[in-house]
Structures are given as C-alpha cells and as structure tokens.
Amino acid sequence: MSKDIKIKRGLDIKLVGEAEHIISDAPRSRTYVIKPSDFHLVTPKMLFKEGATIKAGEPLFYAKKDPSIKFVSPVSGILREIKRGAKRVIVSIVIEADGRDTTVEFPMLDVNTADAATIKERILESGLWPFIKQRPYDVIASTKTEPSAIYISGHNSAPLAPDYNFILQGKEAALQAGFTALSKLTSGRIHLGVAQVANSVFSKLSNVEMHTVVGPHPSGNVGTLINKVSPINKGETVWTITPENLAIIGELFITGKFNSERIISVSGSRVKAPKYYRTKIGAEVSTFAYSAGIEGDNVRMISGNILTGNQVSAEGHLGYYHNEFVAIPEGNDYEFFGWNKPVFNKISSSRALTFSWLFPNKKYDLDTNTNGEHRAFVVTGNYEEVFPLDIYPLQLLKACMVQDLDAMEALGMYEVAPEDFALTEFVCVSKQPHQAIIRKGLDLMHEEIG
C-alpha cells in the first residue's frame, strides 16, 4: 500500500517537443568519453596509460581518497586519449570502441541469500558504486557510512523528462534485484516515490515503501521525497539512486555483467522527430542528435535535464548520469522594450504583464534567454511559491553566499542538492545562479565539516 504525498508549491513548465514513445537504436558511436567532472569532488587516479586495450566493465581509474571506488569503461576498445587541462587535471578519458563489447564477467550472485558484505563488495569491484549518491553534499556515497534510509524517485516531473514507466519496461526483474540488494545495505527503509502505482513497472516490487507523489514540479525530485518523508538532520546520511541505474546494478547480479546501455529521450522544440534512442553511457551526441534531426543553426544542445543539464556540442558526449538530450533555441536575441510589454509566449509564476496562468495546459517554445541581467537579490516571495521543501530558500542562498556555516546548518543545508533550486533559479527576477551558489555552499560544508 502506498502513502500519498501531495505537493502544492511548484511550477509545471510545459514545453513543445516531448519525446514520442518510440525507441530506435542510435548509430554505433565511434568513441565514448568518461569525464571525471561528472563525479563531483573525485580526484581520479588512472589505472591504464594511453593505448591500452580495455574491456567493458574494466576499471579505468579509482578515487584518490577511496581506492575501493572504481570507475569502469562502458565499452571495450582502446584507451585512445587522456585529455588534461590546467595543472594536468584530467578532463576526459576517450575510449575508441572496437565494436565487440568484450565484457568483464563476474560470478552470478543470488541477492536473496547473499549477505550485505558480499553485495557491497560486488558493487564496488564491478565499478557500479558511483551510481549511488548520498546526502548531505550530493556526492558519491561514502563506503564507510551506513545510510539511515535510501530514497529513489520513480517519477520525473521535470519539463520534457523521460517516462520511467516506458524506458524501464521489461526490466522489472533487474529492478527487483537492485531493490533487494540495496535493502541489505541499510537498516532503514527504501522509499520510492511514484506518480502512480497501478500499471507501472514499480507496482509489484517488494522490499520498498511506496509513496504516491502528486503535484507540480519538483514533485519528482528525490529531494522533495526526502523532505516530505523524513528530513535529514545533522549526523545523518541517506543514499539516493535513479531507477535506471538501480536496474543496471540489479542486472549485474542477474547476469554477472555491467550493461552500460542507456535509453534516452531526445526532445525539444528544435528536434524534428523527438523520440527515445537506445545508446550507451558516454556516447557521441551526434549519433542520436542527427538521427533525430536538429532544426536550425542557432540551437542550444543540452545533455541532461533542461533545468540542470550541461551544454554540449554535436561533437560532445552524453554525460555519465544523463538519460536525456534536449535541443531548444539559443536565446541570444533581444526584444525591444521587452521588459515593458505584455507577455503571451512565455511561462511565468508572476501575473505582472504575463498571462501564462490563463492557459495552464499550453505548451511553450522557450529559448535560453534570461530576459534580464544579473543583479542583487530582490525580495519578491516568488521563490517560496515554487519551492515545496520546508526550508527558507532565499535565506539559505544568502547564507551560502556569505559562507555562514552555522546559518547553513540551521536552514537545512544537509538535505538539499543544486537540482532542488533549479526552479527558484528559473523564476528568479535577479538572475542569480542558484544552483551554483548551493553547489559552492555544499562544497564548503564538505571541506569544513566533512
């Protein structure tokens, strides 16, 4: 039986270009890239040199602070290049695929009878531990701390987000194996938030406490689920993981192999045929972007969520954690007296010269223009209208900016992640980079408090 969570504060951003429920195989990528920057606060230590032959699932590097946390190759082939930036920091690792998918194999393990130590060791040695993140700090989970609970959101409420019920069809056994495995790594419960229980891929799962989440975005954020179930206190640690990554862990125990396959949504108003593509972690963007068709030259391509993802070029690669790709118009044109005219073609949480509130079901073709310049915070109260957590968002942002650790603790910094402030950044009349401010605040706490 599920427990209901109703969210009233938030904002649904309805955009044109939603992916149709069709899956096509993306053309095979020639190269695959793993970027250490996808793993926040991880300093990589390479295990191979350029030119080495590697298998899919074979560790490429490990975390300097915890050598047990390994990062593996998504495909077999040649380690073609280790790109470095300033101070010889590793920027990306390029693997040239051989097309054979030779994979490291592990003995199959029955998660129902295996103990916690065996399960944890298998996840670590297979290189799948980076899929598990922790709060506080929104980083890869520490291997030395047992979580008080594990939270998973099976409901993605972000604009143009992929449908988990669609992309996870046929992976129910892998999901169950993943849930069973993780349930042995905590003395607490696994909480799963879903939009609906009936007729979903999550409906028959065991070893999980189900929550039906109803309401506007960010109802699907795992941070919202944590806040409504049991907010994190100082000294507590919880883990989070996405459903598709949990299925990869479950599949490891069933087959003994790491499956780097990703079913991603390719969407946005500048995509001719928005739909889903089957590809692999770190694949070339061009393999699915050009297959879907990108309209126009002045286009912003985004790997990941439209509110939280990273800008990429057609020559770039899919992010390690990303399961979506979005193409929208670049916002480098400006309207004459745009600040002083009624607005009908943009969405806004305000009713001042805007009329999107009159058309709640209308879909918009938005660009990346911020419609204003960066300025000091203006107190308007619009953050609270779209922020469902029981936290004061403006006060927390200011505490992060002045590096007031005591205030950050008191205001609930332990339970937030940058993505929880994506909507407040979207509606911000001051054009402040909320997610970057929260990320810097979390890094400061991690460094000073640990």
Protein backbone atom coordinates (compact mmCIF):
# COMPACT_ATOMS: atom_id res chain seq x y z
CA MET A 1 0.00 0.00 0.00
CA SER A 2 1.39 3.40 -0.95
CA LYS A 3 1.44 6.58 1.11
CA ASP A 4 0.30 9.77 -0.58
CA ILE A 5 2.41 12.93 -0.74
CA LYS A 6 0.67 16.00 -2.14
CA ILE A 7 2.77 18.92 -3.36
CA LYS A 8 1.06 22.30 -3.83
CA ARG A 9 4.02 24.65 -4.33
CA GLY A 10 5.89 24.26 -7.60
CA LEU A 11 5.63 25.01 -11.30
CA ASP A 12 4.99 22.74 -14.27
CA ILE A 13 6.92 24.04 -17.28
CA LYS A 14 5.15 22.58 -20.30
CA LEU A 15 7.33 22.68 -23.42
CA VAL A 16 6.79 21.60 -27.01
CA GLY A 17 8.88 18.76 -28.36
CA GLU A 18 8.13 15.96 -25.90
CA ALA A 19 9.61 12.61 -26.94
CA GLU A 20 7.19 10.19 -28.58
CA HIS A 21 7.04 6.71 -27.06
CA ILE A 22 9.13 5.08 -29.78
CA ILE A 23 12.58 3.55 -29.23
CA SER A 24 15.15 3.46 -32.01
CA ASP A 25 18.71 2.18 -31.92
CA ALA A 26 21.17 5.05 -32.21
CA PRO A 27 24.04 4.51 -34.68
CA ARG A 28 27.08 2.97 -33.05
CA SER A 29 29.35 5.58 -31.50
CA ARG A 30 32.99 5.55 -32.59
CA THR A 31 34.26 6.95 -29.29
CA TYR A 32 32.96 7.04 -25.74
CA VAL A 33 34.04 9.54 -23.12
CA ILE A 34 34.13 9.42 -19.33
CA LYS A 35 34.57 12.84 -17.67
CA PRO A 36 35.80 12.92 -14.05
CA SER A 37 33.92 16.22 -13.65
CA ASP A 38 30.70 14.16 -13.67
CA PHE A 39 31.82 12.72 -10.32
CA HIS A 40 31.90 15.73 -8.05
CA LEU A 41 34.88 16.04 -5.66
CA VAL A 42 36.52 12.90 -7.07
CA THR A 43 40.23 13.10 -7.90
CA PRO A 44 40.92 10.31 -10.43
CA LYS A 45 43.97 8.02 -10.34
CA MET A 46 44.44 6.29 -13.69
CA LEU A 47 44.96 2.52 -13.91
CA PHE A 48 45.92 2.48 -17.62
CA LYS A 49 48.04 4.50 -20.00
CA GLU A 50 47.06 5.68 -23.46
CA GLY A 51 46.99 2.86 -25.99
CA ALA A 52 45.90 0.20 -23.52
CA THR A 53 43.30 -2.39 -24.57
CA ILE A 54 40.36 -2.49 -22.18
CA LYS A 55 37.14 -4.44 -21.73
CA ALA A 56 33.68 -3.13 -21.00
CA GLY A 57 33.31 -3.01 -17.23
CA GLU A 58 37.08 -2.84 -16.64
CA PRO A 59 38.19 -0.09 -14.20
CA LEU A 60 39.77 2.94 -15.86
CA PHE A 61 40.56 4.85 -12.68
CA TYR A 62 39.75 4.98 -8.99
CA ALA A 63 39.05 7.74 -6.47
CA LYS A 64 42.20 9.05 -4.83
CA LYS A 65 40.55 9.40 -1.40
CA ASP A 66 38.94 5.94 -1.54
CA PRO A 67 40.63 3.43 -3.89
CA SER A 68 37.75 0.99 -3.44
CA ILE A 69 35.53 3.29 -5.56
CA LYS A 70 36.30 2.40 -9.18
CA PHE A 71 35.09 3.86 -12.47
CA VAL A 72 34.75 1.50 -15.41
CA SER A 73 34.69 1.67 -19.20
CA PRO A 74 31.25 1.48 -20.84
CA VAL A 75 32.65 -0.38 -23.88
CA SER A 76 35.62 -2.46 -24.97
CA GLY A 77 38.32 -0.95 -27.14
CA ILE A 78 41.45 1.19 -26.97
CA LEU A 79 42.08 3.92 -24.41
CA ARG A 80 42.80 6.45 -27.13
CA GLU A 81 43.44 9.62 -25.14
CA ILE A 82 43.62 11.04 -21.63
CA LYS A 83 42.86 14.74 -22.06
CA ARG A 84 44.28 17.05 -19.42
CA GLY A 85 43.62 20.68 -18.54
CA ALA A 86 45.32 23.21 -16.30
CA LYS A 87 47.68 21.73 -13.70
CA ARG A 88 47.38 18.40 -15.57
CA VAL A 89 43.86 17.84 -14.24
CA ILE A 90 42.19 15.00 -16.17
CA VAL A 91 39.37 16.49 -18.23
CA SER A 92 38.17 13.43 -20.12
CA ILE A 93 39.08 9.87 -20.99
CA VAL A 94 38.42 8.84 -24.59
CA ILE A 95 37.80 5.18 -25.46
CA GLU A 96 37.78 4.14 -29.09
CA ALA A 97 35.28 1.29 -29.31
CA ASP A 98 36.16 -1.94 -31.10
CA GLY A 99 32.52 -2.94 -31.61
CA ARG A 100 32.97 -6.34 -29.96
CA ASP A 101 31.66 -5.45 -26.48
CA THR A 102 34.06 -7.82 -24.73
CA THR A 103 32.90 -7.56 -21.12
CA VAL A 104 34.36 -8.33 -17.71
CA GLU A 105 32.29 -11.14 -16.19
CA PHE A 106 31.56 -11.82 -12.53
CA PRO A 107 30.01 -14.94 -10.98
CA MET A 108 26.24 -14.57 -10.70
CA LEU A 109 25.08 -13.78 -7.17
CA ASP A 110 21.72 -14.52 -5.58
CA VAL A 111 20.80 -11.29 -3.82
CA ASN A 112 18.15 -13.08 -1.76
CA THR A 113 20.72 -15.22 0.06
CA ALA A 114 23.89 -13.10 -0.16
CA ASP A 115 24.87 -11.06 2.89
CA ALA A 116 25.44 -7.30 2.95
CA ALA A 117 29.25 -7.51 2.85
CA THR A 118 29.22 -9.71 -0.26
CA ILE A 119 26.73 -7.47 -2.06
CA LYS A 120 28.69 -4.33 -1.22
CA GLU A 121 31.96 -5.90 -2.37
CA ARG A 122 30.41 -6.92 -5.69
CA ILE A 123 29.04 -3.42 -6.38
CA LEU A 124 32.45 -1.92 -5.57
CA GLU A 125 34.56 -4.32 -7.63
CA SER A 126 32.22 -4.03 -10.62
CA GLY A 127 32.57 -0.23 -10.64
CA LEU A 128 28.87 0.47 -10.12
CA TRP A 129 29.25 2.21 -6.76
CA PRO A 130 29.35 5.69 -8.41
CA PHE A 131 25.65 5.24 -9.27
CA ILE A 132 24.88 5.58 -5.54
CA LYS A 133 24.89 9.13 -4.20
CA GLN A 134 24.49 10.45 -0.70
CA ARG A 135 23.03 13.41 1.08
CA PRO A 136 24.32 15.54 2.64
CA TYR A 137 26.59 17.07 -0.03
CA ASP A 138 25.08 15.30 -3.10
CA VAL A 139 28.25 13.34 -3.88
CA ILE A 140 29.10 9.69 -4.48
CA ALA A 141 28.17 7.74 -1.34
CA SER A 142 30.85 7.07 1.23
CA THR A 143 31.75 3.39 1.52
CA LYS A 144 32.36 3.80 5.25
CA THR A 145 28.91 5.04 6.30
CA GLU A 146 25.65 3.11 6.51
CA PRO A 147 22.66 5.15 5.36
CA SER A 148 19.67 5.62 7.64
CA ALA A 149 17.44 5.21 4.56
CA ILE A 150 17.58 5.05 0.76
CA TYR A 151 15.43 7.28 -1.46
CA ILE A 152 14.54 6.72 -5.11
CA SER A 153 12.26 8.82 -7.30
CA GLY A 154 10.44 6.85 -9.97
CA HIS A 155 8.55 9.95 -11.05
CA ASN A 156 10.39 12.55 -13.12
CA SER A 157 8.31 15.73 -13.17
CA ALA A 158 10.86 17.98 -14.92
CA PRO A 159 9.98 19.51 -18.31
CA LEU A 160 10.50 17.08 -21.23
CA ALA A 161 11.65 14.41 -18.77
CA PRO A 162 11.76 10.75 -19.91
CA ASP A 163 8.99 8.42 -18.79
CA TYR A 164 10.41 5.79 -16.42
CA ASN A 165 7.42 3.52 -16.99
CA PHE A 166 8.35 3.45 -20.66
CA ILE A 167 12.14 3.17 -20.58
CA LEU A 168 12.14 0.51 -17.84
CA GLN A 169 9.61 -1.83 -19.41
CA GLY A 170 10.93 -5.38 -19.31
CA LYS A 171 13.44 -4.61 -16.55
CA GLU A 172 11.20 -5.45 -13.63
CA ALA A 173 13.40 -8.40 -12.57
CA ALA A 174 16.53 -6.23 -12.64
CA LEU A 175 14.76 -3.53 -10.61
CA GLN A 176 13.67 -6.07 -8.01
CA ALA A 177 17.21 -7.47 -7.75
CA GLY A 178 18.52 -3.92 -7.28
CA PHE A 179 16.00 -3.14 -4.55
CA THR A 180 16.74 -6.41 -2.75
CA ALA A 181 20.48 -5.78 -2.92
CA LEU A 182 20.27 -2.23 -1.58
CA SER A 183 17.81 -3.22 1.16
CA LYS A 184 20.61 -5.26 2.74
CA LEU A 185 22.94 -2.26 2.85
CA THR A 186 20.78 -0.24 5.23
CA SER A 187 19.00 -0.93 8.49
CA GLY A 188 16.39 1.60 7.42
CA ARG A 189 13.86 1.53 4.61
CA ILE A 190 13.98 2.13 0.87
CA HIS A 191 11.49 4.83 -0.08
CA LEU A 192 10.23 5.01 -3.65
CA GLY A 193 8.25 7.95 -4.99
CA VAL A 194 5.99 7.31 -8.00
CA ALA A 195 3.29 9.20 -9.87
CA GLN A 196 1.05 6.13 -9.86
CA VAL A 197 1.33 2.58 -8.56
CA ALA A 198 -1.19 0.73 -10.73
CA ASN A 199 0.04 -0.48 -14.13
CA SER A 200 3.59 0.77 -13.57
CA VAL A 201 6.92 -1.08 -13.66
CA PHE A 202 7.13 -0.48 -9.90
CA SER A 203 3.74 -1.95 -8.97
CA LYS A 204 4.93 -5.43 -7.92
CA LEU A 205 8.19 -4.53 -6.18
CA SER A 206 8.97 -5.76 -2.70
CA ASN A 207 11.48 -4.55 -0.07
CA VAL A 208 10.32 -0.99 -0.68
CA GLU A 209 8.00 1.57 0.88
CA MET A 210 5.94 3.17 -1.88
CA HIS A 211 4.85 6.82 -1.92
CA THR A 212 2.44 8.23 -4.50
CA VAL A 213 3.56 11.79 -5.20
CA VAL A 214 1.06 14.25 -6.65
CA GLY A 215 1.67 17.84 -7.65
CA PRO A 216 3.68 20.15 -9.90
CA HIS A 217 7.42 20.02 -10.46
CA PRO A 218 9.61 19.49 -8.40
CA SER A 219 7.33 16.77 -7.02
CA GLY A 220 9.54 14.25 -8.85
CA ASN A 221 12.81 15.41 -7.29
CA VAL A 222 14.29 12.99 -4.80
CA GLY A 223 14.97 15.97 -2.52
CA THR A 224 11.24 16.64 -2.31
CA LEU A 225 10.63 13.00 -1.38
CA ILE A 226 13.28 13.15 1.37
CA ASN A 227 11.87 16.36 2.80
CA LYS A 228 8.31 15.05 2.95
CA VAL A 229 9.18 11.61 4.36
CA SER A 230 11.97 12.37 6.84
CA PRO A 231 14.18 15.48 6.61
CA ILE A 232 17.89 14.88 7.17
CA ASN A 233 19.35 16.00 10.49
CA LYS A 234 22.98 16.72 11.29
CA GLY A 235 24.95 13.49 11.54
CA GLU A 236 22.55 11.50 9.34
CA THR A 237 23.31 10.12 5.89
CA VAL A 238 20.87 8.89 3.25
CA TRP A 239 21.54 7.41 -0.18
CA THR A 240 19.84 8.20 -3.47
CA ILE A 241 19.90 6.46 -6.85
CA THR A 242 17.89 6.76 -10.06
CA PRO A 243 15.70 3.83 -11.20
CA GLU A 244 17.61 3.18 -14.44
CA ASN A 245 20.92 2.98 -12.57
CA LEU A 246 19.33 0.72 -9.98
CA ALA A 247 18.28 -1.59 -12.84
CA ILE A 248 21.91 -1.69 -14.03
CA ILE A 249 23.00 -2.81 -10.56
CA GLY A 250 20.25 -5.42 -10.47
CA GLU A 251 21.24 -6.70 -13.90
CA LEU A 252 24.82 -7.13 -12.67
CA PHE A 253 23.66 -9.64 -10.07
CA ILE A 254 21.44 -11.50 -12.57
CA THR A 255 23.89 -11.71 -15.49
CA GLY A 256 27.28 -11.05 -13.91
CA LYS A 257 27.94 -8.25 -16.43
CA PHE A 258 27.89 -4.45 -16.45
CA ASN A 259 25.35 -3.26 -19.03
CA SER A 260 26.10 0.36 -19.97
CA GLU A 261 23.01 0.67 -22.17
CA ARG A 262 21.01 3.88 -21.85
CA ILE A 263 17.55 4.53 -23.26
CA ILE A 264 17.48 8.31 -23.57
CA SER A 265 14.79 10.77 -24.58
CA VAL A 266 15.77 13.14 -27.40
CA SER A 267 13.38 16.07 -27.19
CA GLY A 268 12.92 19.81 -27.53
CA SER A 269 11.37 22.24 -29.97
CA ARG A 270 14.38 22.08 -32.30
CA VAL A 271 14.21 18.29 -32.73
CA LYS A 272 12.35 17.21 -35.86
CA ALA A 273 11.41 13.75 -34.62
CA PRO A 274 11.57 13.69 -30.80
CA LYS A 275 11.63 10.12 -29.51
CA TYR A 276 13.75 7.68 -27.47
CA TYR A 277 17.07 6.20 -28.52
CA ARG A 278 18.98 3.17 -27.29
CA THR A 279 22.65 4.06 -26.81
CA LYS A 280 25.40 3.70 -24.17
CA ILE A 281 26.88 5.81 -21.40
CA GLY A 282 29.30 8.41 -22.78
CA ALA A 283 28.24 8.02 -26.43
CA GLU A 284 28.77 10.71 -29.06
CA VAL A 285 25.94 13.24 -29.14
CA SER A 286 25.97 13.27 -32.96
CA THR A 287 24.87 9.62 -33.14
CA PHE A 288 21.39 10.36 -31.84
CA ALA A 289 21.10 14.14 -32.34
CA TYR A 290 21.50 13.97 -36.11
CA SER A 291 19.34 10.86 -36.33
CA ALA A 292 16.50 12.73 -34.61
CA GLY A 293 17.15 15.81 -36.75
CA ILE A 294 18.15 19.20 -35.35
CA GLU A 295 16.36 22.17 -36.96
CA GLY A 296 18.28 25.39 -37.47
CA ASP A 297 21.80 26.50 -36.63
CA ASN A 298 21.21 28.71 -33.58
CA VAL A 299 20.45 25.84 -31.20
CA ARG A 300 21.37 25.09 -27.57
CA MET A 301 22.07 21.38 -27.07
CA ILE A 302 21.81 20.07 -23.53
CA SER A 303 22.98 16.75 -22.14
CA GLY A 304 20.67 16.00 -19.24
CA ASN A 305 17.68 17.81 -17.80
CA ILE A 306 16.76 21.13 -19.41
CA LEU A 307 16.92 22.83 -15.99
CA THR A 308 20.04 21.14 -14.62
CA GLY A 309 21.95 19.63 -17.57
CA ASN A 310 25.16 20.67 -19.31
CA GLN A 311 25.56 22.46 -22.62
CA VAL A 312 27.20 20.24 -25.24
CA SER A 313 28.09 20.46 -28.90
CA ALA A 314 27.29 17.91 -31.60
CA GLU A 315 30.89 16.69 -31.20
CA GLY A 316 30.39 16.23 -27.45
CA HIS A 317 29.35 13.15 -25.48
CA LEU A 318 26.46 12.09 -23.27
CA GLY A 319 27.02 12.71 -19.55
CA TYR A 320 27.60 9.70 -17.30
CA TYR A 321 24.37 10.16 -15.32
CA HIS A 322 22.24 11.61 -18.12
CA ASN A 323 19.27 9.87 -19.72
CA GLU A 324 18.01 12.74 -21.86
CA PHE A 325 19.12 15.15 -24.55
CA VAL A 326 17.33 18.42 -25.31
CA ALA A 327 17.65 20.91 -28.18
CA ILE A 328 16.00 24.35 -27.84
CA PRO A 329 16.53 27.77 -29.46
CA GLU A 330 19.56 29.75 -28.33
CA GLY A 331 18.45 32.91 -26.55
CA ASN A 332 20.91 35.43 -27.95
CA ASP A 333 18.35 37.81 -29.44
CA TYR A 334 16.64 40.57 -27.50
CA GLU A 335 13.21 42.19 -27.64
CA PHE A 336 12.96 45.97 -27.87
CA PHE A 337 11.20 47.18 -24.72
CA GLY A 338 10.60 43.52 -23.84
CA TRP A 339 10.52 44.42 -20.16
CA ASN A 340 7.55 46.76 -20.67
CA LYS A 341 5.22 44.73 -22.89
CA PRO A 342 2.54 42.15 -22.11
CA VAL A 343 3.97 38.64 -22.50
CA PHE A 344 1.90 35.87 -24.08
CA ASN A 345 4.51 33.39 -25.32
CA LYS A 346 6.46 32.76 -22.12
CA ILE A 347 5.70 31.00 -18.88
CA SER A 348 5.94 32.83 -15.58
CA SER A 349 4.93 32.33 -11.96
CA SER A 350 4.10 36.05 -11.78
CA ARG A 351 0.95 37.74 -13.08
CA ALA A 352 2.67 41.05 -13.80
CA LEU A 353 2.21 41.60 -17.56
CA THR A 354 2.27 37.82 -18.08
CA PHE A 355 -0.68 35.63 -18.95
CA SER A 356 0.57 32.04 -18.84
CA TRP A 357 -1.60 31.48 -15.75
CA LEU A 358 -4.66 31.82 -18.01
CA PHE A 359 -3.55 28.84 -20.13
CA PRO A 360 -2.39 26.09 -17.72
CA ASN A 361 -2.22 23.42 -20.44
CA LYS A 362 -0.48 25.46 -23.12
CA LYS A 363 2.95 24.26 -24.28
CA TYR A 364 5.66 26.82 -24.91
CA ASP A 365 8.66 27.10 -27.22
CA LEU A 366 11.15 28.74 -24.84
CA ASP A 367 14.73 29.75 -25.58
CA THR A 368 17.71 30.23 -23.24
CA ASN A 369 17.40 34.00 -22.87
CA THR A 370 17.38 35.03 -19.21
CA ASN A 371 15.28 38.11 -20.05
CA GLY A 372 17.34 40.34 -17.81
CA GLU A 373 20.75 40.88 -16.28
CA HIS A 374 22.34 39.73 -13.07
CA ARG A 375 21.53 41.98 -10.10
CA ALA A 376 21.30 41.88 -6.31
CA PHE A 377 18.58 39.76 -4.76
CA VAL A 378 15.13 41.34 -4.93
CA VAL A 379 12.74 40.12 -2.24
CA THR A 380 9.56 39.17 -4.09
CA GLY A 381 8.36 35.96 -2.42
CA ASN A 382 8.27 34.12 -5.76
CA TYR A 383 10.90 31.56 -4.65
CA GLU A 384 8.57 30.24 -1.96
CA GLU A 385 5.77 29.82 -4.50
CA VAL A 386 7.74 27.17 -6.42
CA PHE A 387 9.79 25.67 -3.56
CA PRO A 388 7.92 22.85 -1.75
CA LEU A 389 10.61 22.00 0.82
CA ASP A 390 10.10 23.22 4.40
CA ILE A 391 13.15 25.47 4.03
CA TYR A 392 13.59 29.20 3.55
CA PRO A 393 15.22 29.31 0.08
CA LEU A 394 16.28 32.98 -0.02
CA GLN A 395 17.82 32.90 3.44
CA LEU A 396 19.70 29.68 2.62
CA LEU A 397 21.06 31.13 -0.60
CA LYS A 398 22.30 34.24 1.21
CA ALA A 399 23.89 32.12 3.96
CA CYS A 400 25.80 30.21 1.26
CA MET A 401 26.97 33.42 -0.37
CA VAL A 402 28.41 34.82 2.87
CA GLN A 403 29.73 31.36 3.90
CA ASP A 404 27.85 31.32 7.21
CA LEU A 405 28.16 27.64 8.16
CA ASP A 406 26.02 27.94 11.30
CA ALA A 407 23.17 29.52 9.37
CA MET A 408 23.51 26.98 6.57
CA GLU A 409 23.16 24.13 9.08
CA ALA A 410 20.18 25.74 10.78
CA LEU A 411 18.42 26.41 7.48
CA GLY A 412 18.52 22.80 6.22
CA MET A 413 21.61 22.67 4.02
CA TYR A 414 22.17 18.98 4.80
CA GLU A 415 19.18 17.81 2.79
CA VAL A 416 19.39 19.89 -0.38
CA ALA A 417 21.17 19.49 -3.71
CA PRO A 418 21.62 22.02 -6.53
CA GLU A 419 18.73 20.50 -8.50
CA ASP A 420 16.32 21.45 -5.71
CA PHE A 421 16.96 25.12 -6.59
CA ALA A 422 16.54 24.78 -10.36
CA LEU A 423 13.00 26.18 -10.27
CA THR A 424 13.86 29.09 -7.97
CA GLU A 425 16.65 29.92 -10.43
CA PHE A 426 14.17 29.74 -13.32
CA VAL A 427 11.77 32.25 -11.71
CA CYS A 428 14.48 34.48 -10.20
CA VAL A 429 13.97 38.12 -11.20
CA SER A 430 17.53 38.83 -10.00
CA LYS A 431 19.02 36.27 -12.43
CA GLN A 432 21.16 34.76 -9.69
CA PRO A 433 22.81 31.34 -10.34
CA HIS A 434 21.05 29.48 -7.53
CA GLN A 435 22.37 26.02 -8.37
CA ALA A 436 25.98 27.23 -8.49
CA ILE A 437 25.53 29.05 -5.17
CA ILE A 438 24.18 25.90 -3.48
CA ARG A 439 26.97 23.76 -5.01
CA LYS A 440 29.64 26.09 -3.62
CA GLY A 441 27.91 26.06 -0.23
CA LEU A 442 27.80 22.26 -0.15
CA ASP A 443 31.47 22.06 -1.11
CA LEU A 444 32.36 24.47 1.69
CA MET A 445 30.45 22.39 4.25
CA HIS A 446 32.07 19.21 2.97
CA GLU A 447 35.52 20.76 3.32
CA GLU A 448 34.96 22.38 6.73
CA ILE A 449 32.65 19.86 8.41
CA GLY A 450 33.16 16.63 6.42
